[in-house]
Amino acid sequence: MKILSLKLDDKTFDETEEITSKLNLDRNQYINEAVRIYNLYNKKKLLKKQLHKESKITRKDSME
């Protein structure tokens, strides 16, 4: 496991504290889950971009 120093703006930190308190979750666990979900979101976004790029190439070759 890696140690990370993280700077959050005050509003984000306050919201995180409020939510973790209500959910009875450890802040570290909450942030790890948030980053995991955001990574999945961005992987899908990157895959979509790559597929679109390859589709353009294939389309061009198919026309020829």
Protein backbone atom coordinates (compact mmCIF):
# COMPACT_ATOMS: atom_id res chain seq x y z
CA MET A 1 0.00 0.00 0.00
CA LYS A 2 1.25 3.48 -0.89
CA ILE A 3 1.14 6.53 1.34
CA LEU A 4 -0.23 9.65 -0.29
CA SER A 5 -0.39 13.25 0.82
CA LEU A 6 -3.56 14.85 -0.44
CA LYS A 7 -4.67 18.46 -0.49
CA LEU A 8 -8.42 19.05 -0.72
CA ASP A 9 -10.18 22.35 -0.89
CA ASP A 10 -12.14 23.15 2.25
CA LYS A 11 -15.58 22.51 0.74
CA THR A 12 -14.61 19.08 -0.60
CA PHE A 13 -13.04 18.12 2.71
CA ASP A 14 -16.09 19.27 4.69
CA GLU A 15 -18.45 17.35 2.40
CA THR A 16 -16.27 14.25 2.68
CA GLU A 17 -16.23 14.48 6.47
CA GLU A 18 -20.01 14.87 6.57
CA ILE A 19 -20.64 11.91 4.27
CA THR A 20 -18.13 9.57 5.91
CA SER A 21 -19.60 10.41 9.29
CA LYS A 22 -23.15 9.66 8.14
CA LEU A 23 -22.06 6.43 6.43
CA ASN A 24 -19.82 5.48 9.35
CA LEU A 25 -16.88 4.97 6.98
CA ASP A 26 -13.20 5.61 7.42
CA ARG A 27 -12.10 8.63 5.36
CA ASN A 28 -9.28 6.62 3.78
CA GLN A 29 -11.69 3.86 2.73
CA TYR A 30 -14.06 6.43 1.25
CA ILE A 31 -11.35 8.19 -0.76
CA ASN A 32 -9.91 4.87 -2.00
CA GLU A 33 -13.37 3.84 -3.24
CA ALA A 34 -13.90 7.23 -4.90
CA VAL A 35 -10.56 6.99 -6.74
CA ARG A 36 -11.31 3.39 -7.79
CA ILE A 37 -14.67 4.45 -9.27
CA TYR A 38 -13.13 7.47 -11.00
CA ASN A 39 -10.41 5.24 -12.48
CA LEU A 40 -13.06 2.90 -13.91
CA TYR A 41 -14.93 5.88 -15.36
CA ASN A 42 -11.79 7.22 -17.04
CA LYS A 43 -10.72 3.79 -18.35
CA LYS A 44 -14.10 3.51 -20.10
CA LYS A 45 -13.76 7.04 -21.43
CA LEU A 46 -10.28 6.27 -22.82
CA LEU A 47 -11.50 3.01 -24.35
CA LYS A 48 -14.38 4.83 -26.05
CA LYS A 49 -11.94 7.38 -27.46
CA GLN A 50 -9.62 4.62 -28.74
CA LEU A 51 -12.50 2.69 -30.32
CA HIS A 52 -13.74 5.84 -32.03
CA LYS A 53 -10.25 6.51 -33.39
CA GLU A 54 -9.89 2.94 -34.68
CA SER A 55 -13.38 3.02 -36.14
CA LYS A 56 -12.43 6.07 -38.23
CA ILE A 57 -9.36 4.23 -39.54
CA THR A 58 -11.39 1.12 -40.36
CA ARG A 59 -14.12 3.17 -42.01
CA LYS A 60 -11.57 4.89 -44.24
CA ASP A 61 -10.01 1.53 -45.23
CA SER A 62 -13.43 0.00 -45.89
CA MET A 63 -14.35 2.82 -48.25
CA GLU A 64 -11.27 2.10 -50.36
